[in-house]
Amino acid sequence: MVCPDCFHEWNPNEVEEVEHANKVVDSNGNILQDGDSVIVIKDLPVKGSTKSVKSGTKVKNIKLIDGDHNIDCKVDGFGSMALKSEFVRKAN
């Protein structure tokens, strides 16, 4: 088979398994997994609240989800929320 756009050739009988796992990385490029602990690196305003999640806040037991805000977690003092992985770093 040949792609009409880029002329890439392949054999349809030799189908490779492609891993479709979304790799979520933190601000430093470390790969995050479900159950990891992360630290917030920037003060984040919380919609509907006058307080914000402060830089240095540790969040335990994260869950990775699809979408723009790809971390689902519970933050002490705020409850359940979604965070963007670009604003956290993996905790040691």
PDB file of N, CA and C in Angstrom:
ATOM      1  N   MET A   1       0.858  -1.176   0.000  1.00  0.00           N
ATOM      2  CA  MET A   1       0.000   0.000   0.000  1.00  0.00           C
ATOM      3  C   MET A   1       0.903   1.238   0.000  1.00  0.00           C
ATOM      4  N   VAL A   2       0.422   2.283  -0.666  1.00  0.00           N
ATOM      5  CA  VAL A   2       1.168   3.538  -0.753  1.00  0.00           C
ATOM      6  C   VAL A   2       0.215   4.689  -0.454  1.00  0.00           C
ATOM      7  N   CYS A   3       0.667   5.586   0.425  1.00  0.00           N
ATOM      8  CA  CYS A   3      -0.131   6.772   0.744  1.00  0.00           C
ATOM      9  C   CYS A   3      -0.069   7.739  -0.433  1.00  0.00           C
ATOM     10  N   PRO A   4      -1.219   8.213  -0.928  1.00  0.00           N
ATOM     11  CA  PRO A   4      -1.212   9.118  -2.078  1.00  0.00           C
ATOM     12  C   PRO A   4      -0.676  10.518  -1.745  1.00  0.00           C
ATOM     13  N   ASP A   5      -0.675  10.884  -0.458  1.00  0.00           N
ATOM     14  CA  ASP A   5      -0.212  12.219  -0.081  1.00  0.00           C
ATOM     15  C   ASP A   5       1.291  12.282   0.126  1.00  0.00           C
ATOM     16  N   CYS A   6       1.838  11.326   0.911  1.00  0.00           N
ATOM     17  CA  CYS A   6       3.259  11.386   1.263  1.00  0.00           C
ATOM     18  C   CYS A   6       4.081  10.249   0.660  1.00  0.00           C
ATOM     19  N   PHE A   7       3.431   9.333  -0.035  1.00  0.00           N
ATOM     20  CA  PHE A   7       4.073   8.196  -0.689  1.00  0.00           C
ATOM     21  C   PHE A   7       4.749   7.226   0.281  1.00  0.00           C
ATOM     22  N   HIS A   8       4.271   7.209   1.526  1.00  0.00           N
ATOM     23  CA  HIS A   8       4.767   6.235   2.509  1.00  0.00           C
ATOM     24  C   HIS A   8       4.252   4.856   2.105  1.00  0.00           C
ATOM     25  N   GLU A   9       5.153   3.862   2.124  1.00  0.00           N
ATOM     26  CA  GLU A   9       4.784   2.499   1.748  1.00  0.00           C
ATOM     27  C   GLU A   9       4.726   1.615   2.976  1.00  0.00           C
ATOM     28  N   TRP A  10       3.729   0.695   3.021  1.00  0.00           N
ATOM     29  CA  TRP A  10       3.613  -0.252   4.118  1.00  0.00           C
ATOM     30  C   TRP A  10       2.890  -1.496   3.644  1.00  0.00           C
ATOM     31  N   ASN A  11       3.088  -2.552   4.402  1.00  0.00           N
ATOM     32  CA  ASN A  11       2.443  -3.827   4.101  1.00  0.00           C
ATOM     33  C   ASN A  11       1.278  -3.973   5.084  1.00  0.00           C
ATOM     34  N   PRO A  12       0.047  -4.036   4.641  1.00  0.00           N
ATOM     35  CA  PRO A  12      -1.093  -4.138   5.555  1.00  0.00           C
ATOM     36  C   PRO A  12      -1.107  -5.447   6.346  1.00  0.00           C
ATOM     37  N   ASN A  13      -0.366  -6.450   5.910  1.00  0.00           N
ATOM     38  CA  ASN A  13      -0.294  -7.710   6.647  1.00  0.00           C
ATOM     39  C   ASN A  13       0.634  -7.613   7.848  1.00  0.00           C
ATOM     40  N   GLU A  14       1.471  -6.598   7.865  1.00  0.00           N
ATOM     41  CA  GLU A  14       2.411  -6.411   8.966  1.00  0.00           C
ATOM     42  C   GLU A  14       1.993  -5.203   9.796  1.00  0.00           C
ATOM     43  N   VAL A  15       0.856  -5.290  10.403  1.00  0.00           N
ATOM     44  CA  VAL A  15       0.332  -4.188  11.200  1.00  0.00           C
ATOM     45  C   VAL A  15       1.041  -4.181  12.554  1.00  0.00           C
ATOM     46  N   GLU A  16       1.623  -3.039  12.877  1.00  0.00           N
ATOM     47  CA  GLU A  16       2.291  -2.899  14.171  1.00  0.00           C
ATOM     48  C   GLU A  16       1.282  -2.411  15.199  1.00  0.00           C
ATOM     49  N   GLU A  17       1.460  -2.889  16.403  1.00  0.00           N
ATOM     50  CA  GLU A  17       0.615  -2.393  17.481  1.00  0.00           C
ATOM     51  C   GLU A  17       1.154  -1.047  17.929  1.00  0.00           C
ATOM     52  N   VAL A  18       0.294  -0.074  17.896  1.00  0.00           N
ATOM     53  CA  VAL A  18       0.685   1.272  18.298  1.00  0.00           C
ATOM     54  C   VAL A  18       0.117   1.529  19.686  1.00  0.00           C
ATOM     55  N   GLU A  19       0.982   1.956  20.563  1.00  0.00           N
ATOM     56  CA  GLU A  19       0.543   2.265  21.919  1.00  0.00           C
ATOM     57  C   GLU A  19      -0.103   3.639  21.904  1.00  0.00           C
ATOM     58  N   HIS A  20      -1.376   3.679  22.262  1.00  0.00           N
ATOM     59  CA  HIS A  20      -2.121   4.935  22.234  1.00  0.00           C
ATOM     60  C   HIS A  20      -2.173   5.607  23.591  1.00  0.00           C
ATOM     61  N   ALA A  21      -1.297   5.216  24.483  1.00  0.00           N
ATOM     62  CA  ALA A  21      -1.307   5.803  25.819  1.00  0.00           C
ATOM     63  C   ALA A  21      -0.855   7.251  25.737  1.00  0.00           C
ATOM     64  N   ASN A  22      -1.645   8.119  26.330  1.00  0.00           N
ATOM     65  CA  ASN A  22      -1.279   9.518  26.411  1.00  0.00           C
ATOM     66  C   ASN A  22      -0.216   9.673  27.474  1.00  0.00           C
ATOM     67  N   LYS A  23       0.941  10.149  27.092  1.00  0.00           N
ATOM     68  CA  LYS A  23       1.997  10.370  28.065  1.00  0.00           C
ATOM     69  C   LYS A  23       1.858  11.788  28.582  1.00  0.00           C
ATOM     70  N   VAL A  24       1.607  11.898  29.864  1.00  0.00           N
ATOM     71  CA  VAL A  24       1.458  13.203  30.497  1.00  0.00           C
ATOM     72  C   VAL A  24       2.760  13.523  31.199  1.00  0.00           C
ATOM     73  N   VAL A  25       3.302  14.710  30.916  1.00  0.00           N
ATOM     74  CA  VAL A  25       4.560  15.116  31.522  1.00  0.00           C
ATOM     75  C   VAL A  25       4.354  16.375  32.362  1.00  0.00           C
ATOM     76  N   ASP A  26       5.203  16.502  33.402  1.00  0.00           N
ATOM     77  CA  ASP A  26       5.128  17.684  34.262  1.00  0.00           C
ATOM     78  C   ASP A  26       5.919  18.832  33.646  1.00  0.00           C
ATOM     79  N   SER A  27       6.100  19.907  34.386  1.00  0.00           N
ATOM     80  CA  SER A  27       6.799  21.080  33.869  1.00  0.00           C
ATOM     81  C   SER A  27       8.268  20.808  33.573  1.00  0.00           C
ATOM     82  N   ASN A  28       8.843  19.779  34.187  1.00  0.00           N
ATOM     83  CA  ASN A  28      10.249  19.437  33.968  1.00  0.00           C
ATOM     84  C   ASN A  28      10.431  18.324  32.944  1.00  0.00           C
ATOM     85  N   GLY A  29       9.354  17.798  32.387  1.00  0.00           N
ATOM     86  CA  GLY A  29       9.437  16.745  31.385  1.00  0.00           C
ATOM     87  C   GLY A  29       9.392  15.337  31.956  1.00  0.00           C
ATOM     88  N   ASN A  30       9.163  15.183  33.264  1.00  0.00           N
ATOM     89  CA  ASN A  30       9.041  13.860  33.880  1.00  0.00           C
ATOM     90  C   ASN A  30       7.675  13.277  33.556  1.00  0.00           C
ATOM     91  N   ILE A  31       7.634  11.988  33.244  1.00  0.00           N
ATOM     92  CA  ILE A  31       6.372  11.326  32.920  1.00  0.00           C
ATOM     93  C   ILE A  31       5.585  11.079  34.208  1.00  0.00           C
ATOM     94  N   LEU A  32       4.313  11.477  34.198  1.00  0.00           N
ATOM     95  CA  LEU A  32       3.433  11.289  35.356  1.00  0.00           C
ATOM     96  C   LEU A  32       2.582  10.051  35.163  1.00  0.00           C
ATOM     97  N   GLN A  33       2.241   9.390  36.281  1.00  0.00           N
ATOM     98  CA  GLN A  33       1.384   8.211  36.264  1.00  0.00           C
ATOM     99  C   GLN A  33       0.313   8.363  37.331  1.00  0.00           C
ATOM    100  N   ASP A  34      -0.763   7.567  37.192  1.00  0.00           N
ATOM    101  CA  ASP A  34      -1.801   7.558  38.222  1.00  0.00           C
ATOM    102  C   ASP A  34      -1.185   7.205  39.565  1.00  0.00           C
ATOM    103  N   GLY A  35      -1.594   7.922  40.616  1.00  0.00           N
ATOM    104  CA  GLY A  35      -1.116   7.636  41.962  1.00  0.00           C
ATOM    105  C   GLY A  35       0.116   8.428  42.369  1.00  0.00           C
ATOM    106  N   ASP A  36       0.729   9.159  41.433  1.00  0.00           N
ATOM    107  CA  ASP A  36       1.895   9.972  41.774  1.00  0.00           C
ATOM    108  C   ASP A  36       1.500  11.140  42.665  1.00  0.00           C
ATOM    109  N   SER A  37       2.502  11.725  43.306  1.00  0.00           N
ATOM    110  CA  SER A  37       2.332  12.961  44.053  1.00  0.00           C
ATOM    111  C   SER A  37       3.031  14.067  43.276  1.00  0.00           C
ATOM    112  N   VAL A  38       2.408  15.246  43.244  1.00  0.00           N
ATOM    113  CA  VAL A  38       2.975  16.380  42.533  1.00  0.00           C
ATOM    114  C   VAL A  38       2.968  17.614  43.426  1.00  0.00           C
ATOM    115  N   ILE A  39       3.779  18.594  43.052  1.00  0.00           N
ATOM    116  CA  ILE A  39       3.852  19.860  43.772  1.00  0.00           C
ATOM    117  C   ILE A  39       3.502  20.969  42.793  1.00  0.00           C
ATOM    118  N   VAL A  40       2.616  21.864  43.200  1.00  0.00           N
ATOM    119  CA  VAL A  40       2.202  22.987  42.366  1.00  0.00           C
ATOM    120  C   VAL A  40       3.359  23.981  42.308  1.00  0.00           C
ATOM    121  N   ILE A  41       3.709  24.464  41.112  1.00  0.00           N
ATOM    122  CA  ILE A  41       4.868  25.345  40.965  1.00  0.00           C
ATOM    123  C   ILE A  41       4.495  26.815  40.819  1.00  0.00           C
ATOM    124  N   LYS A  42       3.201  27.128  40.780  1.00  0.00           N
ATOM    125  CA  LYS A  42       2.752  28.494  40.549  1.00  0.00           C
ATOM    126  C   LYS A  42       1.445  28.695  41.297  1.00  0.00           C
ATOM    127  N   ASP A  43       1.219  29.884  41.861  1.00  0.00           N
ATOM    128  CA  ASP A  43      -0.070  30.175  42.478  1.00  0.00           C
ATOM    129  C   ASP A  43      -1.154  30.079  41.411  1.00  0.00           C
ATOM    130  N   LEU A  44      -2.178  29.265  41.690  1.00  0.00           N
ATOM    131  CA  LEU A  44      -3.245  29.041  40.722  1.00  0.00           C
ATOM    132  C   LEU A  44      -4.569  29.569  41.268  1.00  0.00           C
ATOM    133  N   PRO A  45      -5.198  30.517  40.578  1.00  0.00           N
ATOM    134  CA  PRO A  45      -6.499  31.005  41.028  1.00  0.00           C
ATOM    135  C   PRO A  45      -7.559  29.917  40.866  1.00  0.00           C
ATOM    136  N   VAL A  46      -8.491  29.885  41.811  1.00  0.00           N
ATOM    137  CA  VAL A  46      -9.564  28.893  41.781  1.00  0.00           C
ATOM    138  C   VAL A  46     -10.856  29.607  41.430  1.00  0.00           C
ATOM    139  N   LYS A  47     -11.487  29.156  40.352  1.00  0.00           N
ATOM    140  CA  LYS A  47     -12.730  29.775  39.894  1.00  0.00           C
ATOM    141  C   LYS A  47     -13.796  29.645  40.978  1.00  0.00           C
ATOM    142  N   GLY A  48     -14.428  30.756  41.321  1.00  0.00           N
ATOM    143  CA  GLY A  48     -15.493  30.747  42.317  1.00  0.00           C
ATOM    144  C   GLY A  48     -15.002  30.875  43.744  1.00  0.00           C
ATOM    145  N   SER A  49     -13.716  31.126  43.934  1.00  0.00           N
ATOM    146  CA  SER A  49     -13.158  31.260  45.274  1.00  0.00           C
ATOM    147  C   SER A  49     -12.243  32.478  45.314  1.00  0.00           C
ATOM    148  N   THR A  50     -12.132  33.083  46.493  1.00  0.00           N
ATOM    149  CA  THR A  50     -11.231  34.220  46.641  1.00  0.00           C
ATOM    150  C   THR A  50      -9.809  33.750  46.941  1.00  0.00           C
ATOM    151  N   LYS A  51      -9.669  32.489  47.351  1.00  0.00           N
ATOM    152  CA  LYS A  51      -8.346  31.933  47.638  1.00  0.00           C
ATOM    153  C   LYS A  51      -7.761  31.323  46.377  1.00  0.00           C
ATOM    154  N   SER A  52      -6.451  31.073  46.411  1.00  0.00           N
ATOM    155  CA  SER A  52      -5.798  30.386  45.298  1.00  0.00           C
ATOM    156  C   SER A  52      -4.960  29.243  45.851  1.00  0.00           C
ATOM    157  N   VAL A  53      -4.675  28.274  44.992  1.00  0.00           N
ATOM    158  CA  VAL A  53      -3.797  27.168  45.366  1.00  0.00           C
ATOM    159  C   VAL A  53      -2.378  27.724  45.317  1.00  0.00           C
ATOM    160  N   LYS A  54      -1.701  27.719  46.452  1.00  0.00           N
ATOM    161  CA  LYS A  54      -0.388  28.351  46.571  1.00  0.00           C
ATOM    162  C   LYS A  54       0.712  27.481  45.971  1.00  0.00           C
ATOM    163  N   SER A  55       1.749  28.135  45.499  1.00  0.00           N
ATOM    164  CA  SER A  55       2.935  27.459  45.003  1.00  0.00           C
ATOM    165  C   SER A  55       3.541  26.642  46.132  1.00  0.00           C
ATOM    166  N   GLY A  56       3.950  25.419  45.844  1.00  0.00           N
ATOM    167  CA  GLY A  56       4.525  24.545  46.856  1.00  0.00           C
ATOM    168  C   GLY A  56       3.533  23.589  47.488  1.00  0.00           C
ATOM    169  N   THR A  57       2.253  23.698  47.126  1.00  0.00           N
ATOM    170  CA  THR A  57       1.226  22.799  47.658  1.00  0.00           C
ATOM    171  C   THR A  57       1.444  21.400  47.091  1.00  0.00           C
ATOM    172  N   LYS A  58       1.503  20.402  47.986  1.00  0.00           N
ATOM    173  CA  LYS A  58       1.689  19.016  47.553  1.00  0.00           C
ATOM    174  C   LYS A  58       0.324  18.363  47.358  1.00  0.00           C
ATOM    175  N   VAL A  59       0.170  17.711  46.219  1.00  0.00           N
ATOM    176  CA  VAL A  59      -1.069  17.016  45.879  1.00  0.00           C
ATOM    177  C   VAL A  59      -0.727  15.543  45.731  1.00  0.00           C
ATOM    178  N   LYS A  60      -1.405  14.696  46.503  1.00  0.00           N
ATOM    179  CA  LYS A  60      -1.127  13.260  46.503  1.00  0.00           C
ATOM    180  C   LYS A  60      -2.160  12.497  45.694  1.00  0.00           C
ATOM    181  N   ASN A  61      -1.734  11.338  45.199  1.00  0.00           N
ATOM    182  CA  ASN A  61      -2.625  10.381  44.545  1.00  0.00           C
ATOM    183  C   ASN A  61      -3.410  10.995  43.384  1.00  0.00           C
ATOM    184  N   ILE A  62      -2.698  11.474  42.368  1.00  0.00           N
ATOM    185  CA  ILE A  62      -3.360  12.078  41.214  1.00  0.00           C
ATOM    186  C   ILE A  62      -3.925  11.008  40.291  1.00  0.00           C
ATOM    187  N   LYS A  63      -4.870  11.408  39.469  1.00  0.00           N
ATOM    188  CA  LYS A  63      -5.447  10.533  38.450  1.00  0.00           C
ATOM    189  C   LYS A  63      -5.354  11.270  37.120  1.00  0.00           C
ATOM    190  N   LEU A  64      -4.812  10.618  36.101  1.00  0.00           N
ATOM    191  CA  LEU A  64      -4.654  11.232  34.789  1.00  0.00           C
ATOM    192  C   LEU A  64      -5.921  11.049  33.965  1.00  0.00           C
ATOM    193  N   ILE A  65      -6.345  12.122  33.312  1.00  0.00           N
ATOM    194  CA  ILE A  65      -7.549  12.111  32.488  1.00  0.00           C
ATOM    195  C   ILE A  65      -7.236  12.769  31.150  1.00  0.00           C
ATOM    196  N   ASP A  66      -8.116  12.596  30.172  1.00  0.00           N
ATOM    197  CA  ASP A  66      -7.954  13.251  28.883  1.00  0.00           C
ATOM    198  C   ASP A  66      -8.493  14.666  28.966  1.00  0.00           C
ATOM    199  N   GLY A  67      -7.947  15.542  28.158  1.00  0.00           N
ATOM    200  CA  GLY A  67      -8.436  16.903  28.097  1.00  0.00           C
ATOM    201  C   GLY A  67      -7.346  17.910  28.400  1.00  0.00           C
ATOM    202  N   ASP A  68      -7.740  19.178  28.404  1.00  0.00           N
ATOM    203  CA  ASP A  68      -6.807  20.274  28.639  1.00  0.00           C
ATOM    204  C   ASP A  68      -6.270  20.240  30.069  1.00  0.00           C
ATOM    205  N   HIS A  69      -7.153  20.072  31.026  1.00  0.00           N
ATOM    206  CA  HIS A  69      -6.768  19.905  32.428  1.00  0.00           C
ATOM    207  C   HIS A  69      -6.654  18.398  32.648  1.00  0.00           C
ATOM    208  N   ASN A  70      -5.439  17.867  32.539  1.00  0.00           N
ATOM    209  CA  ASN A  70      -5.265  16.423  32.458  1.00  0.00           C
ATOM    210  C   ASN A  70      -4.921  15.735  33.779  1.00  0.00           C
ATOM    211  N   ILE A  71      -5.016  16.440  34.900  1.00  0.00           N
ATOM    212  CA  ILE A  71      -4.803  15.825  36.209  1.00  0.00           C
ATOM    213  C   ILE A  71      -6.047  16.046  37.051  1.00  0.00           C
ATOM    214  N   ASP A  72      -6.627  14.961  37.544  1.00  0.00           N
ATOM    215  CA  ASP A  72      -7.770  15.024  38.449  1.00  0.00           C
ATOM    216  C   ASP A  72      -7.243  14.703  39.833  1.00  0.00           C
ATOM    217  N   CYS A  73      -7.570  15.540  40.834  1.00  0.00           N
ATOM    218  CA  CYS A  73      -6.994  15.340  42.168  1.00  0.00           C
ATOM    219  C   CYS A  73      -7.855  16.009  43.230  1.00  0.00           C
ATOM    220  N   LYS A  74      -7.466  15.791  44.475  1.00  0.00           N
ATOM    221  CA  LYS A  74      -8.079  16.474  45.615  1.00  0.00           C
ATOM    222  C   LYS A  74      -7.005  17.306  46.280  1.00  0.00           C
ATOM    223  N   VAL A  75      -7.262  18.612  46.372  1.00  0.00           N
ATOM    224  CA  VAL A  75      -6.321  19.535  46.984  1.00  0.00           C
ATOM    225  C   VAL A  75      -6.842  19.879  48.370  1.00  0.00           C
ATOM    226  N   ASP A  76      -5.972  19.729  49.387  1.00  0.00           N
ATOM    227  CA  ASP A  76      -6.372  20.042  50.759  1.00  0.00           C
ATOM    228  C   ASP A  76      -6.862  21.489  50.852  1.00  0.00           C
ATOM    229  N   GLY A  77      -8.029  21.677  51.441  1.00  0.00           N
ATOM    230  CA  GLY A  77      -8.618  22.993  51.604  1.00  0.00           C
ATOM    231  C   GLY A  77      -9.486  23.432  50.441  1.00  0.00           C
ATOM    232  N   PHE A  78      -9.435  22.725  49.320  1.00  0.00           N
ATOM    233  CA  PHE A  78     -10.217  23.093  48.144  1.00  0.00           C
ATOM    234  C   PHE A  78     -11.128  21.972  47.667  1.00  0.00           C
ATOM    235  N   GLY A  79     -10.732  20.731  47.884  1.00  0.00           N
ATOM    236  CA  GLY A  79     -11.522  19.601  47.423  1.00  0.00           C
ATOM    237  C   GLY A  79     -11.081  19.124  46.058  1.00  0.00           C
ATOM    238  N   SER A  80     -11.996  18.496  45.345  1.00  0.00           N
ATOM    239  CA  SER A  80     -11.696  17.891  44.048  1.00  0.00           C
ATOM    240  C   SER A  80     -11.568  18.967  42.976  1.00  0.00           C
ATOM    241  N   MET A  81     -10.517  18.840  42.155  1.00  0.00           N
ATOM    242  CA  MET A  81     -10.333  19.778  41.049  1.00  0.00           C
ATOM    243  C   MET A  81      -9.458  19.166  39.976  1.00  0.00           C
ATOM    244  N   ALA A  82      -9.396  19.837  38.846  1.00  0.00           N
ATOM    245  CA  ALA A  82      -8.557  19.405  37.729  1.00  0.00           C
ATOM    246  C   ALA A  82      -7.440  20.429  37.536  1.00  0.00           C
ATOM    247  N   LEU A  83      -6.226  19.934  37.294  1.00  0.00           N
ATOM    248  CA  LEU A  83      -5.065  20.798  37.098  1.00  0.00           C
ATOM    249  C   LEU A  83      -4.432  20.506  35.744  1.00  0.00           C
ATOM    250  N   LYS A  84      -3.699  21.475  35.229  1.00  0.00           N
ATOM    251  CA  LYS A  84      -2.906  21.268  34.024  1.00  0.00           C
ATOM    252  C   LYS A  84      -1.530  20.765  34.452  1.00  0.00           C
ATOM    253  N   SER A  85      -1.001  19.800  33.738  1.00  0.00           N
ATOM    254  CA  SER A  85       0.284  19.212  34.098  1.00  0.00           C
ATOM    255  C   SER A  85       1.440  20.196  33.952  1.00  0.00           C
ATOM    256  N   GLU A  86       1.261  21.248  33.190  1.00  0.00           N
ATOM    257  CA  GLU A  86       2.340  22.224  32.999  1.00  0.00           C
ATOM    258  C   GLU A  86       2.576  23.076  34.243  1.00  0.00           C
ATOM    259  N   PHE A  87       1.657  23.049  35.224  1.00  0.00           N
ATOM    260  CA  PHE A  87       1.809  23.838  36.427  1.00  0.00           C
ATOM    261  C   PHE A  87       2.200  23.017  37.645  1.00  0.00           C
ATOM    262  N   VAL A  88       2.635  21.779  37.431  1.00  0.00           N
ATOM    263  CA  VAL A  88       3.065  20.933  38.547  1.00  0.00           C
ATOM    264  C   VAL A  88       4.411  20.282  38.207  1.00  0.00           C
ATOM    265  N   ARG A  89       5.088  19.818  39.253  1.00  0.00           N
ATOM    266  CA  ARG A  89       6.281  19.023  39.067  1.00  0.00           C
ATOM    267  C   ARG A  89       6.147  17.774  39.939  1.00  0.00           C
ATOM    268  N   LYS A  90       6.773  16.706  39.504  1.00  0.00           N
ATOM    269  CA  LYS A  90       6.679  15.435  40.218  1.00  0.00           C
ATOM    270  C   LYS A  90       7.394  15.540  41.560  1.00  0.00           C
ATOM    271  N   ALA A  91       6.754  15.075  42.618  1.00  0.00           N
ATOM    272  CA  ALA A  91       7.351  15.082  43.955  1.00  0.00           C
ATOM    273  C   ALA A  91       8.246  13.865  44.119  1.00  0.00           C
ATOM    274  N   ASN A  92       9.285  14.021  44.897  1.00  0.00           N
ATOM    275  CA  ASN A  92      10.210  12.898  45.145  1.00  0.00           C
ATOM    276  C   ASN A  92       9.682  11.957  46.162  1.00  0.00           C
TER     277      ASN A  92
END
